[in-house]
Amino acid sequence: MIKKPELQKLLNISRSTLGRWVKAGHFPPPAHVINGRYMWHFQDYKNWLANKNPKSR
């Protein structure tokens, strides 16, 4: 699992940008929200990244 701050660092984006991407459907929604903390499966991030830039495979 990867937490929101870690994901923001990997993507080099702000919290609000990540929120906009999720809301617009440009990024997968969080897999879990525990005590107000958003978390994604790392594989979801990797899949999104691979589909976003297919030349990097």
PDB file of N, CA and C in Angstrom:
ATOM      1  N   MET A   1       0.842  -1.176   0.000  1.00  0.00           N
ATOM      2  CA  MET A   1       0.000   0.000   0.000  1.00  0.00           C
ATOM      3  C   MET A   1       0.892   1.246   0.000  1.00  0.00           C
ATOM      4  N   ILE A   2       0.408   2.263  -0.655  1.00  0.00           N
ATOM      5  CA  ILE A   2       1.148   3.516  -0.720  1.00  0.00           C
ATOM      6  C   ILE A   2       0.236   4.647  -0.255  1.00  0.00           C
ATOM      7  N   LYS A   3       0.757   5.476   0.630  1.00  0.00           N
ATOM      8  CA  LYS A   3      -0.020   6.571   1.199  1.00  0.00           C
ATOM      9  C   LYS A   3       0.005   7.789   0.278  1.00  0.00           C
ATOM     10  N   LYS A   4      -0.966   8.645   0.468  1.00  0.00           N
ATOM     11  CA  LYS A   4      -1.127   9.825  -0.375  1.00  0.00           C
ATOM     12  C   LYS A   4       0.139  10.687  -0.445  1.00  0.00           C
ATOM     13  N   PRO A   5       0.787  11.028   0.677  1.00  0.00           N
ATOM     14  CA  PRO A   5       2.003  11.854   0.581  1.00  0.00           C
ATOM     15  C   PRO A   5       3.121  11.205  -0.233  1.00  0.00           C
ATOM     16  N   GLU A   6       3.256   9.877  -0.102  1.00  0.00           N
ATOM     17  CA  GLU A   6       4.287   9.172  -0.859  1.00  0.00           C
ATOM     18  C   GLU A   6       3.960   9.202  -2.350  1.00  0.00           C
ATOM     19  N   LEU A   7       2.689   9.044  -2.664  1.00  0.00           N
ATOM     20  CA  LEU A   7       2.244   9.077  -4.050  1.00  0.00           C
ATOM     21  C   LEU A   7       2.475  10.458  -4.662  1.00  0.00           C
ATOM     22  N   GLN A   8       2.190  11.484  -3.892  1.00  0.00           N
ATOM     23  CA  GLN A   8       2.425  12.860  -4.360  1.00  0.00           C
ATOM     24  C   GLN A   8       3.903  13.073  -4.680  1.00  0.00           C
ATOM     25  N   LYS A   9       4.781  12.537  -3.851  1.00  0.00           N
ATOM     26  CA  LYS A   9       6.221  12.680  -4.102  1.00  0.00           C
ATOM     27  C   LYS A   9       6.636  11.929  -5.358  1.00  0.00           C
ATOM     28  N   LEU A  10       6.116  10.709  -5.535  1.00  0.00           N
ATOM     29  CA  LEU A  10       6.460   9.925  -6.723  1.00  0.00           C
ATOM     30  C   LEU A  10       6.009  10.622  -8.003  1.00  0.00           C
ATOM     31  N   LEU A  11       4.832  11.242  -7.947  1.00  0.00           N
ATOM     32  CA  LEU A  11       4.273  11.905  -9.130  1.00  0.00           C
ATOM     33  C   LEU A  11       4.712  13.362  -9.252  1.00  0.00           C
ATOM     34  N   ASN A  12       5.321  13.882  -8.184  1.00  0.00           N
ATOM     35  CA  ASN A  12       5.747  15.282  -8.141  1.00  0.00           C
ATOM     36  C   ASN A  12       4.558  16.225  -8.387  1.00  0.00           C
ATOM     37  N   ILE A  13       3.472  15.970  -7.639  1.00  0.00           N
ATOM     38  CA  ILE A  13       2.271  16.787  -7.752  1.00  0.00           C
ATOM     39  C   ILE A  13       1.773  17.165  -6.362  1.00  0.00           C
ATOM     40  N   SER A  14       0.891  18.146  -6.319  1.00  0.00           N
ATOM     41  CA  SER A  14       0.322  18.586  -5.050  1.00  0.00           C
ATOM     42  C   SER A  14      -0.856  17.707  -4.650  1.00  0.00           C
ATOM     43  N   ARG A  15      -1.282  17.873  -3.414  1.00  0.00           N
ATOM     44  CA  ARG A  15      -2.434  17.139  -2.903  1.00  0.00           C
ATOM     45  C   ARG A  15      -3.684  17.469  -3.706  1.00  0.00           C
ATOM     46  N   SER A  16      -3.863  18.753  -4.020  1.00  0.00           N
ATOM     47  CA  SER A  16      -5.057  19.164  -4.766  1.00  0.00           C
ATOM     48  C   SER A  16      -5.046  18.620  -6.196  1.00  0.00           C
ATOM     49  N   THR A  17      -3.869  18.539  -6.813  1.00  0.00           N
ATOM     50  CA  THR A  17      -3.779  17.975  -8.162  1.00  0.00           C
ATOM     51  C   THR A  17      -4.163  16.504  -8.147  1.00  0.00           C
ATOM     52  N   LEU A  18      -3.674  15.772  -7.176  1.00  0.00           N
ATOM     53  CA  LEU A  18      -4.028  14.357  -7.072  1.00  0.00           C
ATOM     54  C   LEU A  18      -5.543  14.215  -6.895  1.00  0.00           C
ATOM     55  N   GLY A  19      -6.122  15.038  -6.070  1.00  0.00           N
ATOM     56  CA  GLY A  19      -7.561  15.005  -5.867  1.00  0.00           C
ATOM     57  C   GLY A  19      -8.332  15.293  -7.144  1.00  0.00           C
ATOM     58  N   ARG A  20      -7.863  16.258  -7.918  1.00  0.00           N
ATOM     59  CA  ARG A  20      -8.521  16.585  -9.189  1.00  0.00           C
ATOM     60  C   ARG A  20      -8.404  15.435 -10.180  1.00  0.00           C
ATOM     61  N   TRP A  21      -7.238  14.805 -10.243  1.00  0.00           N
ATOM     62  CA  TRP A  21      -7.028  13.682 -11.156  1.00  0.00           C
ATOM     63  C   TRP A  21      -7.959  12.530 -10.812  1.00  0.00           C
ATOM     64  N   VAL A  22      -8.092  12.222  -9.516  1.00  0.00           N
ATOM     65  CA  VAL A  22      -8.965  11.121  -9.089  1.00  0.00           C
ATOM     66  C   VAL A  22     -10.418  11.473  -9.419  1.00  0.00           C
ATOM     67  N   LYS A  23     -10.821  12.690  -9.098  1.00  0.00           N
ATOM     68  CA  LYS A  23     -12.203  13.121  -9.341  1.00  0.00           C
ATOM     69  C   LYS A  23     -12.552  13.088 -10.829  1.00  0.00           C
ATOM     70  N   ALA A  24     -11.594  13.453 -11.676  1.00  0.00           N
ATOM     71  CA  ALA A  24     -11.814  13.487 -13.123  1.00  0.00           C
ATOM     72  C   ALA A  24     -11.654  12.104 -13.770  1.00  0.00           C
ATOM     73  N   GLY A  25     -11.189  11.120 -13.000  1.00  0.00           N
ATOM     74  CA  GLY A  25     -11.005   9.780 -13.546  1.00  0.00           C
ATOM     75  C   GLY A  25      -9.680   9.589 -14.259  1.00  0.00           C
ATOM     76  N   HIS A  26      -8.750  10.519 -14.070  1.00  0.00           N
ATOM     77  CA  HIS A  26      -7.431  10.419 -14.701  1.00  0.00           C
ATOM     78  C   HIS A  26      -6.443   9.585 -13.878  1.00  0.00           C
ATOM     79  N   PHE A  27      -6.819   9.268 -12.657  1.00  0.00           N
ATOM     80  CA  PHE A  27      -5.970   8.463 -11.780  1.00  0.00           C
ATOM     81  C   PHE A  27      -6.892   7.552 -10.972  1.00  0.00           C
ATOM     82  N   PRO A  28      -6.446   6.330 -10.668  1.00  0.00           N
ATOM     83  CA  PRO A  28      -7.309   5.398  -9.920  1.00  0.00           C
ATOM     84  C   PRO A  28      -7.678   5.951  -8.542  1.00  0.00           C
ATOM     85  N   PRO A  29      -8.885   5.680  -8.094  1.00  0.00           N
ATOM     86  CA  PRO A  29      -9.284   6.109  -6.752  1.00  0.00           C
ATOM     87  C   PRO A  29      -8.535   5.310  -5.692  1.00  0.00           C
ATOM     88  N   PRO A  30      -8.482   5.825  -4.480  1.00  0.00           N
ATOM     89  CA  PRO A  30      -7.798   5.082  -3.418  1.00  0.00           C
ATOM     90  C   PRO A  30      -8.483   3.748  -3.158  1.00  0.00           C
ATOM     91  N   ALA A  31      -7.673   2.769  -2.805  1.00  0.00           N
ATOM     92  CA  ALA A  31      -8.204   1.440  -2.501  1.00  0.00           C
ATOM     93  C   ALA A  31      -8.784   1.398  -1.097  1.00  0.00           C
ATOM     94  N   HIS A  32      -8.203   2.185  -0.192  1.00  0.00           N
ATOM     95  CA  HIS A  32      -8.645   2.196   1.202  1.00  0.00           C
ATOM     96  C   HIS A  32      -8.592   3.609   1.752  1.00  0.00           C
ATOM     97  N   VAL A  33      -9.545   3.910   2.592  1.00  0.00           N
ATOM     98  CA  VAL A  33      -9.503   5.144   3.376  1.00  0.00           C
ATOM     99  C   VAL A  33      -9.660   4.706   4.822  1.00  0.00           C
ATOM    100  N   ILE A  34      -8.598   4.854   5.588  1.00  0.00           N
ATOM    101  CA  ILE A  34      -8.599   4.428   6.984  1.00  0.00           C
ATOM    102  C   ILE A  34      -8.296   5.635   7.856  1.00  0.00           C
ATOM    103  N   ASN A  35      -9.228   5.972   8.712  1.00  0.00           N
ATOM    104  CA  ASN A  35      -9.078   7.137   9.601  1.00  0.00           C
ATOM    105  C   ASN A  35      -8.725   8.393   8.819  1.00  0.00           C
ATOM    106  N   GLY A  36      -9.346   8.576   7.676  1.00  0.00           N
ATOM    107  CA  GLY A  36      -9.101   9.762   6.863  1.00  0.00           C
ATOM    108  C   GLY A  36      -7.823   9.721   6.052  1.00  0.00           C
ATOM    109  N   ARG A  37      -7.112   8.618   6.094  1.00  0.00           N
ATOM    110  CA  ARG A  37      -5.868   8.474   5.323  1.00  0.00           C
ATOM    111  C   ARG A  37      -6.152   7.671   4.062  1.00  0.00           C
ATOM    112  N   TYR A  38      -5.766   8.235   2.937  1.00  0.00           N
ATOM    113  CA  TYR A  38      -5.997   7.601   1.647  1.00  0.00           C
ATOM    114  C   TYR A  38      -4.808   6.732   1.291  1.00  0.00           C
ATOM    115  N   MET A  39      -5.101   5.527   0.787  1.00  0.00           N
ATOM    116  CA  MET A  39      -4.029   4.600   0.419  1.00  0.00           C
ATOM    117  C   MET A  39      -4.390   3.886  -0.878  1.00  0.00           C
ATOM    118  N   TRP A  40      -3.382   3.704  -1.697  1.00  0.00           N
ATOM    119  CA  TRP A  40      -3.532   3.021  -2.981  1.00  0.00           C
ATOM    120  C   TRP A  40      -2.700   1.755  -2.970  1.00  0.00           C
ATOM    121  N   HIS A  41      -3.112   0.799  -3.771  1.00  0.00           N
ATOM    122  CA  HIS A  41      -2.260  -0.371  -4.005  1.00  0.00           C
ATOM    123  C   HIS A  41      -1.132   0.094  -4.915  1.00  0.00           C
ATOM    124  N   PHE A  42       0.090  -0.280  -4.591  1.00  0.00           N
ATOM    125  CA  PHE A  42       1.237   0.136  -5.393  1.00  0.00           C
ATOM    126  C   PHE A  42       1.096  -0.368  -6.825  1.00  0.00           C
ATOM    127  N   GLN A  43       0.502  -1.543  -6.993  1.00  0.00           N
ATOM    128  CA  GLN A  43       0.311  -2.097  -8.334  1.00  0.00           C
ATOM    129  C   GLN A  43      -0.610  -1.208  -9.173  1.00  0.00           C
ATOM    130  N   ASP A  44      -1.620  -0.585  -8.550  1.00  0.00           N
ATOM    131  CA  ASP A  44      -2.498   0.334  -9.279  1.00  0.00           C
ATOM    132  C   ASP A  44      -1.695   1.517  -9.826  1.00  0.00           C
ATOM    133  N   TYR A  45      -0.789   2.029  -9.011  1.00  0.00           N
ATOM    134  CA  TYR A  45       0.084   3.127  -9.449  1.00  0.00           C
ATOM    135  C   TYR A  45       0.967   2.665 -10.609  1.00  0.00           C
ATOM    136  N   LYS A  46       1.575   1.480 -10.470  1.00  0.00           N
ATOM    137  CA  LYS A  46       2.448   0.974 -11.527  1.00  0.00           C
ATOM    138  C   LYS A  46       1.680   0.744 -12.826  1.00  0.00           C
ATOM    139  N   ASN A  47       0.474   0.203 -12.730  1.00  0.00           N
ATOM    140  CA  ASN A  47      -0.346  -0.012 -13.926  1.00  0.00           C
ATOM    141  C   ASN A  47      -0.713   1.304 -14.581  1.00  0.00           C
ATOM    142  N   TRP A  48      -1.086   2.287 -13.781  1.00  0.00           N
ATOM    143  CA  TRP A  48      -1.434   3.604 -14.313  1.00  0.00           C
ATOM    144  C   TRP A  48      -0.222   4.205 -15.024  1.00  0.00           C
ATOM    145  N   LEU A  49       0.928   4.101 -14.401  1.00  0.00           N
ATOM    146  CA  LEU A  49       2.153   4.653 -14.968  1.00  0.00           C
ATOM    147  C   LEU A  49       2.495   3.970 -16.292  1.00  0.00           C
ATOM    148  N   ALA A  50       2.358   2.655 -16.342  1.00  0.00           N
ATOM    149  CA  ALA A  50       2.665   1.906 -17.565  1.00  0.00           C
ATOM    150  C   ALA A  50       1.696   2.283 -18.691  1.00  0.00           C
ATOM    151  N   ASN A  51       0.440   2.470 -18.362  1.00  0.00           N
ATOM    152  CA  ASN A  51      -0.556   2.844 -19.362  1.00  0.00           C
ATOM    153  C   ASN A  51      -0.435   4.301 -19.772  1.00  0.00           C
ATOM    154  N   LYS A  52       0.066   5.120 -18.886  1.00  0.00           N
ATOM    155  CA  LYS A  52       0.243   6.552 -19.154  1.00  0.00           C
ATOM    156  C   LYS A  52       1.380   6.782 -20.135  1.00  0.00           C
ATOM    157  N   ASN A  53       2.421   5.960 -20.030  1.00  0.00           N
ATOM    158  CA  ASN A  53       3.611   6.140 -20.869  1.00  0.00           C
ATOM    159  C   ASN A  53       4.038   4.774 -21.418  1.00  0.00           C
ATOM    160  N   PRO A  54       3.335   4.278 -22.433  1.00  0.00           N
ATOM    161  CA  PRO A  54       3.643   2.927 -22.925  1.00  0.00           C
ATOM    162  C   PRO A  54       5.046   2.755 -23.490  1.00  0.00           C
ATOM    163  N   LYS A  55       5.732   3.826 -23.851  1.00  0.00           N
ATOM    164  CA  LYS A  55       7.090   3.705 -24.395  1.00  0.00           C
ATOM    165  C   LYS A  55       8.107   3.345 -23.325  1.00  0.00           C
ATOM    166  N   SER A  56       7.738   3.478 -22.039  1.00  0.00           N
ATOM    167  CA  SER A  56       8.688   3.190 -20.966  1.00  0.00           C
ATOM    168  C   SER A  56       8.753   1.709 -20.627  1.00  0.00           C
ATOM    169  N   ARG A  57       8.022   0.861 -21.289  1.00  0.00           N
ATOM    170  CA  ARG A  57       8.032  -0.574 -21.002  1.00  0.00           C
ATOM    171  C   ARG A  57       9.261  -1.245 -21.513  1.00  0.00           C
TER     172      ARG A  57
END
